[in-house]
C-alpha atoms as a PDB file:
ATOM      1  CA  MET A   1      22.194  -5.335 -79.099  1.00  0.00           C
ATOM      2  CA  GLY A   2      19.337  -7.031 -80.856  1.00  0.00           C
ATOM      3  CA  ARG A   3      16.686  -4.000 -80.318  1.00  0.00           C
ATOM      4  CA  VAL A   4      16.204  -2.489 -83.704  1.00  0.00           C
ATOM      5  CA  THR A   5      12.568  -4.271 -83.505  1.00  0.00           C
ATOM      6  CA  GLU A   6       9.972  -5.050 -81.400  1.00  0.00           C
ATOM      7  CA  ARG A   7       7.081  -7.816 -81.164  1.00  0.00           C
ATOM      8  CA  ARG A   8       3.408  -6.397 -80.451  1.00  0.00           C
ATOM      9  CA  ARG A   9       0.300  -8.003 -80.666  1.00  0.00           C
ATOM     10  CA  VAL A  10      -2.791  -5.616 -83.099  1.00  0.00           C
ATOM     11  CA  LEU A  11      -6.442  -6.316 -83.675  1.00  0.00           C
ATOM     12  CA  ARG A  12      -6.039  -7.042 -87.978  1.00  0.00           C
ATOM     13  CA  ILE A  13      -8.840  -6.132 -89.488  1.00  0.00           C
ATOM     14  CA  ARG A  14      -8.831  -6.877 -93.586  1.00  0.00           C
ATOM     15  CA  GLY A  15     -12.428  -5.914 -94.876  1.00  0.00           C
ATOM     16  CA  GLU A  16     -14.571  -8.184 -93.112  1.00  0.00           C
ATOM     17  CA  ALA A  17     -12.003 -10.544 -91.720  1.00  0.00           C
ATOM     18  CA  VAL A  18     -10.813  -9.653 -88.357  1.00  0.00           C
ATOM     19  CA  ASN A  19      -8.026 -11.513 -86.140  1.00  0.00           C
ATOM     20  CA  GLU A  20      -5.328 -10.983 -83.724  1.00  0.00           C
ATOM     21  CA  ARG A  21      -1.513 -10.963 -84.872  1.00  0.00           C
ATOM     22  CA  PRO A  22       1.881 -10.359 -83.674  1.00  0.00           C
ATOM     23  CA  ASP A  23       3.519  -7.630 -85.816  1.00  0.00           C
ATOM     24  CA  THR A  24       6.763  -6.405 -85.830  1.00  0.00           C
ATOM     25  CA  LEU A  25       7.646  -2.669 -85.213  1.00  0.00           C
ATOM     26  CA  VAL A  26      10.472  -0.367 -85.394  1.00  0.00           C
ATOM     27  CA  ALA A  27      12.305   0.336 -82.305  1.00  0.00           C
ATOM     28  CA  GLU A  28      12.527   3.539 -80.923  1.00  0.00           C
ATOM     29  CA  GLU A  29      14.437   4.510 -77.868  1.00  0.00           C
ATOM     30  CA  PRO A  30      15.968   8.190 -76.184  1.00  0.00           C
ATOM     31  CA  LEU A  31      19.869   8.776 -76.797  1.00  0.00           C
ATOM     32  CA  GLU A  32      21.662  10.949 -74.474  1.00  0.00           C
ATOM     33  CA  ILE A  33      24.707  12.417 -76.056  1.00  0.00           C
ATOM     34  CA  ARG A  34      27.397  13.529 -73.835  1.00  0.00           C
ATOM     35  CA  LEU A  35      30.801  15.226 -74.278  1.00  0.00           C
ATOM     36  CA  ASN A  36      33.489  15.102 -71.966  1.00  0.00           C
ATOM     37  CA  GLY A  37      30.813  13.855 -69.530  1.00  0.00           C
ATOM     38  CA  LYS A  38      28.489  16.254 -69.995  1.00  0.00           C
ATOM     39  CA  PRO A  39      24.880  16.224 -71.057  1.00  0.00           C
ATOM     40  CA  LEU A  40      24.833  17.986 -74.315  1.00  0.00           C
ATOM     41  CA  ALA A  41      21.823  16.541 -76.701  1.00  0.00           C
ATOM     42  CA  ILE A  42      18.613  13.930 -76.456  1.00  0.00           C
ATOM     43  CA  THR A  43      17.243  12.161 -79.745  1.00  0.00           C
ATOM     44  CA  MET A  44      15.152   9.575 -80.085  1.00  0.00           C
ATOM     45  CA  ARG A  45      16.626   6.821 -82.239  1.00  0.00           C
ATOM     46  CA  THR A  46      16.750   3.127 -83.510  1.00  0.00           C
ATOM     47  CA  PRO A  47      19.129   1.473 -81.163  1.00  0.00           C
ATOM     48  CA  GLY A  48      22.038   0.257 -83.201  1.00  0.00           C
ATOM     49  CA  ASP A  49      25.301   2.635 -84.487  1.00  0.00           C
ATOM     50  CA  ASP A  50      25.136   4.865 -81.527  1.00  0.00           C
ATOM     51  CA  PHE A  51      28.960   5.371 -81.205  1.00  0.00           C
ATOM     52  CA  ALA A  52      28.743   6.165 -84.657  1.00  0.00           C
ATOM     53  CA  LEU A  53      25.445   8.409 -84.476  1.00  0.00           C
ATOM     54  CA  ALA A  54      27.213  10.535 -81.804  1.00  0.00           C
ATOM     55  CA  ALA A  55      30.111  11.140 -83.632  1.00  0.00           C
ATOM     56  CA  GLY A  56      28.368  11.899 -86.719  1.00  0.00           C
ATOM     57  CA  PHE A  57      26.175  14.286 -84.637  1.00  0.00           C
ATOM     58  CA  LEU A  58      29.444  16.136 -83.890  1.00  0.00           C
ATOM     59  CA  VAL A  59      30.811  16.639 -86.952  1.00  0.00           C
ATOM     60  CA  SER A  60      27.516  18.176 -87.497  1.00  0.00           C
ATOM     61  CA  GLU A  61      28.238  20.530 -84.513  1.00  0.00           C
ATOM     62  CA  GLY A  62      31.533  21.156 -85.639  1.00  0.00           C
ATOM     63  CA  VAL A  63      33.341  19.441 -82.925  1.00  0.00           C
ATOM     64  CA  LEU A  64      34.944  16.664 -85.037  1.00  0.00           C
ATOM     65  CA  GLY A  65      36.429  16.608 -88.234  1.00  0.00           C
ATOM     66  CA  ALA A  66      38.998  13.521 -88.069  1.00  0.00           C
ATOM     67  CA  ALA A  67      38.603   9.888 -86.101  1.00  0.00           C
ATOM     68  CA  SER A  68      42.084  11.426 -84.162  1.00  0.00           C
ATOM     69  CA  ASP A  69      39.898  14.462 -82.379  1.00  0.00           C
ATOM     70  CA  VAL A  70      38.034  11.413 -80.616  1.00  0.00           C
ATOM     71  CA  ARG A  71      39.780   9.970 -77.336  1.00  0.00           C
ATOM     72  CA  ASN A  72      37.034   6.996 -76.936  1.00  0.00           C
ATOM     73  CA  ILE A  73      33.220   6.917 -76.683  1.00  0.00           C
ATOM     74  CA  VAL A  74      31.736   4.831 -74.607  1.00  0.00           C
ATOM     75  CA  TYR A  75      27.983   3.668 -73.175  1.00  0.00           C
ATOM     76  CA  CYS A  76      27.528   5.159 -69.340  1.00  0.00           C
ATOM     77  CA  ALA A  77      26.515   2.639 -67.058  1.00  0.00           C
ATOM     78  CA  GLY A  78      24.623   2.747 -64.181  1.00  0.00           C
ATOM     79  CA  ALA A  79      22.039   4.831 -66.341  1.00  0.00           C
ATOM     80  CA  LYS A  80      19.185   3.446 -63.926  1.00  0.00           C
ATOM     81  CA  ASP A  81      18.571   3.713 -60.119  1.00  0.00           C
ATOM     82  CA  ASP A  82      19.604   0.339 -59.881  1.00  0.00           C
ATOM     83  CA  GLY A  83      22.198   0.523 -61.793  1.00  0.00           C
ATOM     84  CA  THR A  84      21.534  -1.527 -64.705  1.00  0.00           C
ATOM     85  CA  ASN A  85      22.457  -0.078 -68.309  1.00  0.00           C
ATOM     86  CA  THR A  86      20.059   1.087 -70.666  1.00  0.00           C
ATOM     87  CA  TYR A  87      22.608   1.388 -73.530  1.00  0.00           C
ATOM     88  CA  ASN A  88      20.737   4.821 -73.768  1.00  0.00           C
ATOM     89  CA  VAL A  89      23.553   7.038 -72.827  1.00  0.00           C
ATOM     90  CA  VAL A  90      26.782   7.356 -74.561  1.00  0.00           C
ATOM     91  CA  ASP A  91      29.744   9.516 -74.073  1.00  0.00           C
ATOM     92  CA  VAL A  92      32.383  11.035 -76.205  1.00  0.00           C
ATOM     93  CA  GLN A  93      35.530  12.215 -75.159  1.00  0.00           C
ATOM     94  CA  LEU A  94      37.834  14.236 -76.582  1.00  0.00           C
ATOM     95  CA  ALA A  95      41.387  13.844 -77.261  1.00  0.00           C
ATOM     96  CA  PRO A  96      43.489  16.324 -75.295  1.00  0.00           C
ATOM     97  CA  GLY A  97      43.834  19.227 -77.291  1.00  0.00           C
ATOM     98  CA  VAL A  98      40.577  19.567 -79.169  1.00  0.00           C
ATOM     99  CA  PRO A  99      38.588  22.318 -78.446  1.00  0.00           C
ATOM    100  CA  VAL A 100      35.047  21.875 -76.312  1.00  0.00           C
ATOM    101  CA  PRO A 101      32.494  24.059 -77.577  1.00  0.00           C
ATOM    102  CA  ASP A 102      30.410  26.180 -75.177  1.00  0.00           C
ATOM    103  CA  ILE A 103      27.722  23.827 -74.259  1.00  0.00           C
ATOM    104  CA  THR A 104      24.247  25.929 -73.539  1.00  0.00           C
ATOM    105  CA  LEU A 105      20.882  25.010 -73.211  1.00  0.00           C
ATOM    106  CA  GLU A 106      19.609  26.207 -76.256  1.00  0.00           C
ATOM    107  CA  ARG A 107      21.846  23.279 -78.107  1.00  0.00           C
ATOM    108  CA  ASN A 108      20.650  20.630 -75.751  1.00  0.00           C
ATOM    109  CA  VAL A 109      16.887  20.964 -77.199  1.00  0.00           C
ATOM    110  CA  TYR A 110      18.734  20.875 -81.006  1.00  0.00           C
ATOM    111  CA  THR A 111      17.676  17.702 -82.102  1.00  0.00           C
ATOM    112  CA  THR A 112      14.478  18.021 -80.894  1.00  0.00           C
ATOM    113  CA  SER A 113      13.025  19.793 -84.125  1.00  0.00           C
ATOM    114  CA  SER A 114      14.595  19.820 -87.539  1.00  0.00           C
ATOM    115  CA  CYS A 115      16.803  23.542 -86.566  1.00  0.00           C
ATOM    116  CA  GLY A 116      17.442  24.549 -83.680  1.00  0.00           C
ATOM    117  CA  LEU A 117      18.366  28.403 -85.016  1.00  0.00           C
ATOM    118  CA  CYS A 118      16.184  29.945 -88.022  1.00  0.00           C
ATOM    119  CA  GLY A 119      16.990  32.308 -90.844  1.00  0.00           C
ATOM    120  CA  LYS A 120      19.946  34.105 -91.901  1.00  0.00           C
ATOM    121  CA  ALA A 121      21.648  32.775 -88.129  1.00  0.00           C
ATOM    122  CA  SER A 122      21.617  29.257 -89.406  1.00  0.00           C
ATOM    123  CA  LEU A 123      22.976  29.812 -92.501  1.00  0.00           C
ATOM    124  CA  ASP A 124      25.597  31.453 -90.695  1.00  0.00           C
ATOM    125  CA  ALA A 125      26.332  29.156 -88.433  1.00  0.00           C
ATOM    126  CA  VAL A 126      26.875  26.598 -91.179  1.00  0.00           C
ATOM    127  CA  ARG A 127      29.594  29.041 -92.828  1.00  0.00           C
ATOM    128  CA  THR A 128      31.358  29.757 -89.940  1.00  0.00           C
ATOM    129  CA  THR A 129      31.732  25.837 -88.409  1.00  0.00           C
ATOM    130  CA  ALA A 130      31.738  23.946 -91.354  1.00  0.00           C
ATOM    131  CA  ARG A 131      35.811  22.311 -91.545  1.00  0.00           C
ATOM    132  CA  PHE A 132      34.824  20.712 -95.070  1.00  0.00           C
ATOM    133  CA  PRO A 133      34.104  23.694 -97.222  1.00  0.00           C
ATOM    134  CA  ILE A 134      32.374  21.754-100.477  1.00  0.00           C
ATOM    135  CA  ALA A 135      35.728  21.692-103.102  1.00  0.00           C
ATOM    136  CA  ASP A 136      35.417  18.802-105.250  1.00  0.00           C
ATOM    137  CA  THR A 137      37.871  19.706-107.959  1.00  0.00           C
ATOM    138  CA  PRO A 138      36.919  18.549-110.548  1.00  0.00           C
ATOM    139  CA  PRO A 139      33.299  18.612-110.032  1.00  0.00           C
ATOM    140  CA  VAL A 140      31.230  15.629-109.129  1.00  0.00           C
ATOM    141  CA  ARG A 141      29.547  14.783-112.560  1.00  0.00           C
ATOM    142  CA  LEU A 142      26.126  12.798-112.280  1.00  0.00           C
ATOM    143  CA  ALA A 143      23.812  11.970-115.454  1.00  0.00           C
ATOM    144  CA  PRO A 144      20.019  12.024-114.154  1.00  0.00           C
ATOM    145  CA  GLU A 145      19.820   8.149-115.407  1.00  0.00           C
ATOM    146  CA  LEU A 146      22.748   7.832-112.576  1.00  0.00           C
ATOM    147  CA  LEU A 147      20.412   9.517-109.948  1.00  0.00           C
ATOM    148  CA  ALA A 148      17.314   7.954-111.054  1.00  0.00           C
ATOM    149  CA  ARG A 149      18.802   4.755-110.105  1.00  0.00           C
ATOM    150  CA  LEU A 150      19.589   5.521-107.097  1.00  0.00           C
ATOM    151  CA  PRO A 151      16.367   5.222-105.048  1.00  0.00           C
ATOM    152  CA  ASP A 152      15.496   1.854-106.056  1.00  0.00           C
ATOM    153  CA  ARG A 153      18.940   0.711-104.819  1.00  0.00           C
ATOM    154  CA  LEU A 154      18.526   2.144-101.597  1.00  0.00           C
ATOM    155  CA  ARG A 155      15.316   0.759-101.079  1.00  0.00           C
ATOM    156  CA  ALA A 156      17.035  -2.634-102.014  1.00  0.00           C
ATOM    157  CA  ALA A 157      19.289  -2.152 -99.319  1.00  0.00           C
ATOM    158  CA  GLN A 158      16.645  -1.548 -96.608  1.00  0.00           C
ATOM    159  CA  ARG A 159      16.896  -4.300 -94.405  1.00  0.00           C
ATOM    160  CA  VAL A 160      14.587  -3.736 -91.543  1.00  0.00           C
ATOM    161  CA  PHE A 161      11.810  -1.618 -93.398  1.00  0.00           C
ATOM    162  CA  ASP A 162      11.255  -4.528 -95.019  1.00  0.00           C
ATOM    163  CA  ARG A 163       9.753  -5.799 -91.640  1.00  0.00           C
ATOM    164  CA  THR A 164       8.384  -2.812 -90.055  1.00  0.00           C
ATOM    165  CA  GLY A 165       7.641  -0.442 -92.907  1.00  0.00           C
ATOM    166  CA  GLY A 166       8.675   2.224 -90.307  1.00  0.00           C
ATOM    167  CA  LEU A 167      12.200   3.589 -90.430  1.00  0.00           C
ATOM    168  CA  HIS A 168      13.707   6.196 -92.969  1.00  0.00           C
ATOM    169  CA  ALA A 169      17.330   5.705 -94.417  1.00  0.00           C
ATOM    170  CA  ALA A 170      20.285   7.002 -95.593  1.00  0.00           C
ATOM    171  CA  ALA A 171      22.529   5.958 -97.872  1.00  0.00           C
ATOM    172  CA  LEU A 172      26.189   7.331 -99.393  1.00  0.00           C
ATOM    173  CA  PHE A 173      26.675   6.442-103.321  1.00  0.00           C
ATOM    174  CA  SER A 174      30.100   7.224-104.969  1.00  0.00           C
ATOM    175  CA  GLU A 175      29.967   9.293-108.086  1.00  0.00           C
ATOM    176  CA  GLU A 176      29.607   6.143-110.319  1.00  0.00           C
ATOM    177  CA  GLY A 177      26.612   4.779-108.476  1.00  0.00           C
ATOM    178  CA  GLU A 178      27.892   2.587-106.528  1.00  0.00           C
ATOM    179  CA  LEU A 179      26.165   2.046-102.957  1.00  0.00           C
ATOM    180  CA  LEU A 180      29.189   2.831-100.402  1.00  0.00           C
ATOM    181  CA  ASP A 181      27.128   2.586 -97.355  1.00  0.00           C
ATOM    182  CA  VAL A 182      23.457   2.846 -95.686  1.00  0.00           C
ATOM    183  CA  ARG A 183      21.784   3.063 -92.278  1.00  0.00           C
ATOM    184  CA  GLU A 184      18.168   3.318 -90.951  1.00  0.00           C
ATOM    185  CA  ASP A 185      16.712   4.887 -87.918  1.00  0.00           C
ATOM    186  CA  VAL A 186      13.409   6.589 -87.018  1.00  0.00           C
ATOM    187  CA  GLY A 187      14.792   9.679 -87.712  1.00  0.00           C
ATOM    188  CA  ARG A 188      16.388  10.415 -90.789  1.00  0.00           C
ATOM    189  CA  HIS A 189      18.678  12.858 -89.641  1.00  0.00           C
ATOM    190  CA  ASN A 190      20.016  10.243 -86.949  1.00  0.00           C
ATOM    191  CA  ALA A 191      20.666   7.734 -90.532  1.00  0.00           C
ATOM    192  CA  VAL A 192      22.725  10.512 -91.807  1.00  0.00           C
ATOM    193  CA  ASP A 193      24.736  11.073 -88.657  1.00  0.00           C
ATOM    194  CA  LYS A 194      25.175   7.000 -88.342  1.00  0.00           C
ATOM    195  CA  LEU A 195      26.606   7.650 -92.075  1.00  0.00           C
ATOM    196  CA  VAL A 196      29.091  10.499 -91.407  1.00  0.00           C
ATOM    197  CA  GLY A 197      30.110   8.914 -87.737  1.00  0.00           C
ATOM    198  CA  ARG A 198      31.244   5.608 -89.751  1.00  0.00           C
ATOM    199  CA  ALA A 199      32.603   7.681 -92.228  1.00  0.00           C
ATOM    200  CA  LEU A 200      34.486   9.667 -89.565  1.00  0.00           C
ATOM    201  CA  THR A 201      35.695   6.327 -87.423  1.00  0.00           C
ATOM    202  CA  ASP A 202      37.398   5.005 -90.711  1.00  0.00           C
ATOM    203  CA  GLY A 203      38.983   8.515 -91.975  1.00  0.00           C
ATOM    204  CA  ARG A 204      37.096   8.961 -94.833  1.00  0.00           C
ATOM    205  CA  LEU A 205      36.077  12.431 -94.315  1.00  0.00           C
ATOM    206  CA  PRO A 206      35.590  14.771 -95.997  1.00  0.00           C
ATOM    207  CA  LEU A 207      33.220  13.037 -98.110  1.00  0.00           C
ATOM    208  CA  ASP A 208      34.099  15.293-101.266  1.00  0.00           C
ATOM    209  CA  ARG A 209      33.298  12.944-104.171  1.00  0.00           C
ATOM    210  CA  ALA A 210      30.225  11.124-102.103  1.00  0.00           C
ATOM    211  CA  VAL A 211      26.253  11.987-102.680  1.00  0.00           C
ATOM    212  CA  LEU A 212      24.150  11.484-100.147  1.00  0.00           C
ATOM    213  CA  LEU A 213      20.419   9.839-100.352  1.00  0.00           C
ATOM    214  CA  VAL A 214      17.584  10.415 -98.322  1.00  0.00           C
ATOM    215  CA  SER A 215      14.413   8.673 -98.108  1.00  0.00           C
ATOM    216  CA  GLY A 216      12.233  11.636 -97.381  1.00  0.00           C
ATOM    217  CA  ARG A 217      12.650  15.309 -97.811  1.00  0.00           C
ATOM    218  CA  ALA A 218      15.252  17.274 -97.560  1.00  0.00           C
ATOM    219  CA  SER A 219      15.345  19.780 -94.323  1.00  0.00           C
ATOM    220  CA  PHE A 220      17.679  22.500 -93.848  1.00  0.00           C
ATOM    221  CA  GLU A 221      19.292  19.833 -91.062  1.00  0.00           C
ATOM    222  CA  LEU A 222      19.928  17.547 -93.759  1.00  0.00           C
ATOM    223  CA  ALA A 223      21.347  19.964 -96.037  1.00  0.00           C
ATOM    224  CA  GLN A 224      23.527  21.212 -92.888  1.00  0.00           C
ATOM    225  CA  LYS A 225      24.815  17.615 -92.410  1.00  0.00           C
ATOM    226  CA  ALA A 226      26.110  17.161 -96.077  1.00  0.00           C
ATOM    227  CA  VAL A 227      27.560  20.340 -95.945  1.00  0.00           C
ATOM    228  CA  MET A 228      29.809  19.907 -92.560  1.00  0.00           C
ATOM    229  CA  ALA A 229      30.693  16.327 -94.055  1.00  0.00           C
ATOM    230  CA  GLY A 230      32.126  18.035 -97.346  1.00  0.00           C
ATOM    231  CA  ILE A 231      29.637  15.951 -99.159  1.00  0.00           C
ATOM    232  CA  PRO A 232      28.856  17.482-102.597  1.00  0.00           C
ATOM    233  CA  VAL A 233      25.449  16.470-103.813  1.00  0.00           C
ATOM    234  CA  LEU A 234      22.622  15.663-101.422  1.00  0.00           C
ATOM    235  CA  ALA A 235      19.354  13.940-103.319  1.00  0.00           C
ATOM    236  CA  ALA A 236      16.099  13.163-101.764  1.00  0.00           C
ATOM    237  CA  VAL A 237      12.752  11.174-102.851  1.00  0.00           C
ATOM    238  CA  SER A 238      10.343  14.350-101.727  1.00  0.00           C
ATOM    239  CA  ALA A 239      10.301  18.148-101.228  1.00  0.00           C
ATOM    240  CA  PRO A 240      13.495  20.383-100.007  1.00  0.00           C
ATOM    241  CA  SER A 241      12.337  22.953 -97.721  1.00  0.00           C
ATOM    242  CA  SER A 242      13.137  26.817 -98.812  1.00  0.00           C
ATOM    243  CA  LEU A 243      15.883  27.084 -95.879  1.00  0.00           C
ATOM    244  CA  ALA A 244      17.815  24.032 -97.310  1.00  0.00           C
ATOM    245  CA  VAL A 245      17.809  25.515-101.115  1.00  0.00           C
ATOM    246  CA  ASP A 246      19.209  28.483 -99.407  1.00  0.00           C
ATOM    247  CA  LEU A 247      21.743  26.701 -97.713  1.00  0.00           C
ATOM    248  CA  ALA A 248      22.474  24.967-100.761  1.00  0.00           C
ATOM    249  CA  VAL A 249      22.664  27.999-103.013  1.00  0.00           C
ATOM    250  CA  GLU A 250      25.064  29.390-100.431  1.00  0.00           C
ATOM    251  CA  THR A 251      27.477  26.710 -99.271  1.00  0.00           C
ATOM    252  CA  GLY A 252      27.526  25.207-103.403  1.00  0.00           C
ATOM    253  CA  LEU A 253      26.143  22.099-102.388  1.00  0.00           C
ATOM    254  CA  THR A 254      23.730  20.603-105.193  1.00  0.00           C
ATOM    255  CA  LEU A 255      20.540  19.886-104.129  1.00  0.00           C
ATOM    256  CA  VAL A 256      17.884  17.554-106.160  1.00  0.00           C
ATOM    257  CA  GLY A 257      14.462  17.045-104.887  1.00  0.00           C
ATOM    258  CA  PHE A 258      11.188  14.859-105.919  1.00  0.00           C
ATOM    259  CA  LEU A 259      13.598  12.240-107.137  1.00  0.00           C
ATOM    260  CA  ARG A 260      11.553   9.526-108.082  1.00  0.00           C
ATOM    261  CA  GLY A 261      12.552   7.436-111.138  1.00  0.00           C
ATOM    262  CA  PRO A 262      13.335   9.296-114.412  1.00  0.00           C
ATOM    263  CA  ASP A 263      11.820  12.434-112.818  1.00  0.00           C
ATOM    264  CA  MET A 264      13.399  14.810-110.401  1.00  0.00           C
ATOM    265  CA  ASN A 265      13.979  18.620-109.545  1.00  0.00           C
ATOM    266  CA  VAL A 266      17.367  20.331-109.101  1.00  0.00           C
ATOM    267  CA  TYR A 267      16.949  22.956-106.826  1.00  0.00           C
ATOM    268  CA  ALA A 268      21.072  24.173-106.747  1.00  0.00           C
ATOM    269  CA  GLY A 269      24.062  23.156-107.955  1.00  0.00           C
ATOM    270  CA  GLU A 270      22.939  21.985-111.853  1.00  0.00           C
ATOM    271  CA  HIS A 271      26.713  22.417-112.903  1.00  0.00           C
ATOM    272  CA  ARG A 272      27.003  18.932-111.534  1.00  0.00           C
ATOM    273  CA  ILE A 273      24.277  17.603-113.220  1.00  0.00           C
ATOM    274  CA  ALA A 274      25.386  16.140-116.814  1.00  0.00           C
ATOM    275  CA  LEU A 275      22.522  16.743-118.927  1.00  0.00           C
ATOM    276  CA  GLY A 276      22.511  15.611-122.768  1.00  0.00           C
ATOM    277  CA  ALA A 277      22.972  18.371-125.619  1.00  0.00           C
ATOM    278  CA  ALA A 278      19.267  17.688-126.475  1.00  0.00           C
ATOM    279  CA  ALA A 279      18.605  18.944-123.041  1.00  0.00           C
ATOM    280  CA  SER A 280      16.181  22.567-122.602  1.00  0.00           C
ATOM    281  CA  HIS A 281      15.701  24.542-119.777  1.00  0.00           C
ATOM    282  CA  GLY A 282      12.546  25.842-121.520  1.00  0.00           C
END
């Protein structure tokens, strides 16, 4: 659709040098997600992979678990008063027999914050709706040296970031460190939804041998999305939230934060980290 970036004129000041020049900015537009024709959520996103984003969001909400749950996904025509299509409204039509969740006002504001619920209610909601309990048997085992290489591989794959510097990224890696997929968006939760939605469409859920890496902090919402997709390992280059750690402990998710070169903190699920024989917990 060609709307991932936009050009704007800026006044550029570099010391005493001042000039006007065009600058490349990441695009941000609202996407309304409808379910069987009824409004469900609105999220601010970078246009592109919209169908995957909608599908991934519905995986995290416990609505979808397989490609066969979806009859089709379409852009809604006539989104503007003059009848033109903005490509900012997506309708997900469920396959016959797939239960339609209760759509409430509270859920409509879900994507405007990092967590629409709080505390124990959030943890209970994930536990009761997760279709794919984390069940990597035998457990995924990752050496710290392998994890340390992943952020550079993610950064090398960020195409739009190189032009704008304004996008978050999320990537899926195999347990051997192979890059499986990468998506970018102004919202890190949207980037994860795009990954998960693509995996749903390709029939790859649950992602029970995958590692999810995000370029930023690990919020409760991102930990939730990992758990709902059956992903056993979530790594972030910045800090996790306390509720994300609580969710990881409760569900068996391995949660790694502050992943920067050889340094990292393991907040939960350390049994998946293959430490050397000389490693110390002191």
